[in-house]
Amino acid sequence: MEWQLPTHIPEHIPTGARVVVRTAIGVDPADGRMKFRDYVGHVRAWNGVTLELTRDAAANGSRPAEEVSIDARTIVRLKPVPERPVMRR
């Protein structure tokens, strides 16, 4: 049986769109609960199998921006989010 795109993930995601993606990372053996990781950033590419994302830097400066590849089979939720507000000094 061939893998098919889950119905909750769109076939087309525009390049440059800012999205939040929740991925399942597995069950924690200590408590038996499913664990998730969230990514917020801009789409570089989407081919229906892998989402290429430029992850935003942390707002507090603790993590730089990074390029990530996300396997579609791990995506639990994906939705568009607005750009961060520009802070004026």
C-alpha atoms as a PDB file:
ATOM      1  CA  MET A   1       0.000   0.000   0.000  1.00  0.00           C
ATOM      2  CA  GLU A   2       1.359   3.412  -0.971  1.00  0.00           C
ATOM      3  CA  TRP A   3       1.465   6.231   1.580  1.00  0.00           C
ATOM      4  CA  GLN A   4      -1.086   9.003   1.027  1.00  0.00           C
ATOM      5  CA  LEU A   5      -1.103  12.587   2.256  1.00  0.00           C
ATOM      6  CA  PRO A   6      -3.308  12.956   5.361  1.00  0.00           C
ATOM      7  CA  THR A   7      -6.472  14.927   4.657  1.00  0.00           C
ATOM      8  CA  HIS A   8      -5.608  17.636   7.204  1.00  0.00           C
ATOM      9  CA  ILE A   9      -2.541  18.736   5.206  1.00  0.00           C
ATOM     10  CA  PRO A  10      -3.118  20.826   2.075  1.00  0.00           C
ATOM     11  CA  GLU A  11      -1.771  19.664  -1.283  1.00  0.00           C
ATOM     12  CA  HIS A  12      -0.361  23.128  -1.988  1.00  0.00           C
ATOM     13  CA  ILE A  13       1.413  25.348   0.541  1.00  0.00           C
ATOM     14  CA  PRO A  14       2.690  28.601  -0.945  1.00  0.00           C
ATOM     15  CA  THR A  15       6.400  29.335  -0.734  1.00  0.00           C
ATOM     16  CA  GLY A  16       7.029  32.134   1.760  1.00  0.00           C
ATOM     17  CA  ALA A  17       3.907  31.455   3.820  1.00  0.00           C
ATOM     18  CA  ARG A  18       4.471  31.716   7.574  1.00  0.00           C
ATOM     19  CA  VAL A  19       3.075  28.633   9.307  1.00  0.00           C
ATOM     20  CA  VAL A  20       3.094  26.794  12.595  1.00  0.00           C
ATOM     21  CA  VAL A  21       3.632  23.042  12.308  1.00  0.00           C
ATOM     22  CA  ARG A  22       3.065  20.572  15.158  1.00  0.00           C
ATOM     23  CA  THR A  23       4.867  17.259  14.787  1.00  0.00           C
ATOM     24  CA  ALA A  24       4.560  14.050  16.780  1.00  0.00           C
ATOM     25  CA  ILE A  25       7.944  12.989  18.173  1.00  0.00           C
ATOM     26  CA  GLY A  26       6.829   9.810  19.928  1.00  0.00           C
ATOM     27  CA  VAL A  27       5.679   8.448  23.258  1.00  0.00           C
ATOM     28  CA  ASP A  28       7.642   9.381  26.370  1.00  0.00           C
ATOM     29  CA  PRO A  29       8.603   6.122  28.113  1.00  0.00           C
ATOM     30  CA  ALA A  30       8.570   7.861  31.495  1.00  0.00           C
ATOM     31  CA  ASP A  31       4.900   8.872  31.433  1.00  0.00           C
ATOM     32  CA  GLY A  32       3.458   7.049  28.402  1.00  0.00           C
ATOM     33  CA  ARG A  33       2.170  10.251  26.826  1.00  0.00           C
ATOM     34  CA  MET A  34       2.633  11.384  23.225  1.00  0.00           C
ATOM     35  CA  LYS A  35       5.106  14.251  22.856  1.00  0.00           C
ATOM     36  CA  PHE A  36       5.045  16.990  20.230  1.00  0.00           C
ATOM     37  CA  ARG A  37       7.387  19.627  18.793  1.00  0.00           C
ATOM     38  CA  ASP A  38       6.236  22.888  17.238  1.00  0.00           C
ATOM     39  CA  TYR A  39       7.968  24.808  14.468  1.00  0.00           C
ATOM     40  CA  VAL A  40       7.115  28.359  13.380  1.00  0.00           C
ATOM     41  CA  GLY A  41       8.638  29.677  10.210  1.00  0.00           C
ATOM     42  CA  HIS A  42       8.439  30.323   6.476  1.00  0.00           C
ATOM     43  CA  VAL A  43       7.871  27.638   3.863  1.00  0.00           C
ATOM     44  CA  ARG A  44      10.767  27.126   1.437  1.00  0.00           C
ATOM     45  CA  ALA A  45       9.292  24.133  -0.380  1.00  0.00           C
ATOM     46  CA  TRP A  46       6.528  21.530  -0.115  1.00  0.00           C
ATOM     47  CA  ASN A  47       6.307  18.440  -2.304  1.00  0.00           C
ATOM     48  CA  GLY A  48       3.634  16.509  -0.414  1.00  0.00           C
ATOM     49  CA  VAL A  49       6.228  14.341   1.330  1.00  0.00           C
ATOM     50  CA  THR A  50       8.646  16.800   2.954  1.00  0.00           C
ATOM     51  CA  LEU A  51       8.053  20.342   4.192  1.00  0.00           C
ATOM     52  CA  GLU A  52      11.160  22.530   3.944  1.00  0.00           C
ATOM     53  CA  LEU A  53      10.906  25.338   6.471  1.00  0.00           C
ATOM     54  CA  THR A  54      13.080  28.237   7.581  1.00  0.00           C
ATOM     55  CA  ARG A  55      12.363  28.182  11.292  1.00  0.00           C
ATOM     56  CA  ASP A  56      12.115  31.614  12.901  1.00  0.00           C
ATOM     57  CA  ALA A  57      14.732  32.630  15.427  1.00  0.00           C
ATOM     58  CA  ALA A  58      13.480  32.640  19.009  1.00  0.00           C
ATOM     59  CA  ALA A  59      12.015  36.014  19.954  1.00  0.00           C
ATOM     60  CA  ASN A  60      14.261  36.181  23.032  1.00  0.00           C
ATOM     61  CA  GLY A  61      17.409  35.448  21.009  1.00  0.00           C
ATOM     62  CA  SER A  62      18.022  32.026  22.576  1.00  0.00           C
ATOM     63  CA  ARG A  63      17.906  30.163  19.237  1.00  0.00           C
ATOM     64  CA  PRO A  64      18.982  31.394  15.797  1.00  0.00           C
ATOM     65  CA  ALA A  65      16.914  30.827  12.667  1.00  0.00           C
ATOM     66  CA  GLU A  66      17.482  27.401  11.137  1.00  0.00           C
ATOM     67  CA  GLU A  67      16.512  25.404   8.075  1.00  0.00           C
ATOM     68  CA  VAL A  68      14.536  22.239   8.841  1.00  0.00           C
ATOM     69  CA  SER A  69      13.008  19.392   6.833  1.00  0.00           C
ATOM     70  CA  ILE A  70       9.802  17.908   8.231  1.00  0.00           C
ATOM     71  CA  ASP A  71       8.473  14.523   7.142  1.00  0.00           C
ATOM     72  CA  ALA A  72       4.762  14.871   6.305  1.00  0.00           C
ATOM     73  CA  ARG A  73       3.993  11.621   8.157  1.00  0.00           C
ATOM     74  CA  THR A  74       4.929  13.331  11.449  1.00  0.00           C
ATOM     75  CA  ILE A  75       2.730  16.424  10.926  1.00  0.00           C
ATOM     76  CA  VAL A  76      -0.198  16.545  13.318  1.00  0.00           C
ATOM     77  CA  ARG A  77      -1.328  20.117  12.641  1.00  0.00           C
ATOM     78  CA  LEU A  78      -0.377  22.848  10.187  1.00  0.00           C
ATOM     79  CA  LYS A  79      -1.875  26.321  10.023  1.00  0.00           C
ATOM     80  CA  PRO A  80      -0.941  29.772   8.765  1.00  0.00           C
ATOM     81  CA  VAL A  81       0.089  32.410  11.304  1.00  0.00           C
ATOM     82  CA  PRO A  82       0.601  36.160  10.918  1.00  0.00           C
ATOM     83  CA  GLU A  83       4.036  37.731  10.720  1.00  0.00           C
ATOM     84  CA  ARG A  84       5.619  38.914  13.960  1.00  0.00           C
ATOM     85  CA  PRO A  85       4.930  42.570  14.711  1.00  0.00           C
ATOM     86  CA  VAL A  86       7.843  44.873  13.944  1.00  0.00           C
ATOM     87  CA  MET A  87       9.175  46.357  17.177  1.00  0.00           C
ATOM     88  CA  ARG A  88      10.113  50.031  16.907  1.00  0.00           C
ATOM     89  CA  ARG A  89      12.671  51.561  19.225  1.00  0.00           C
END
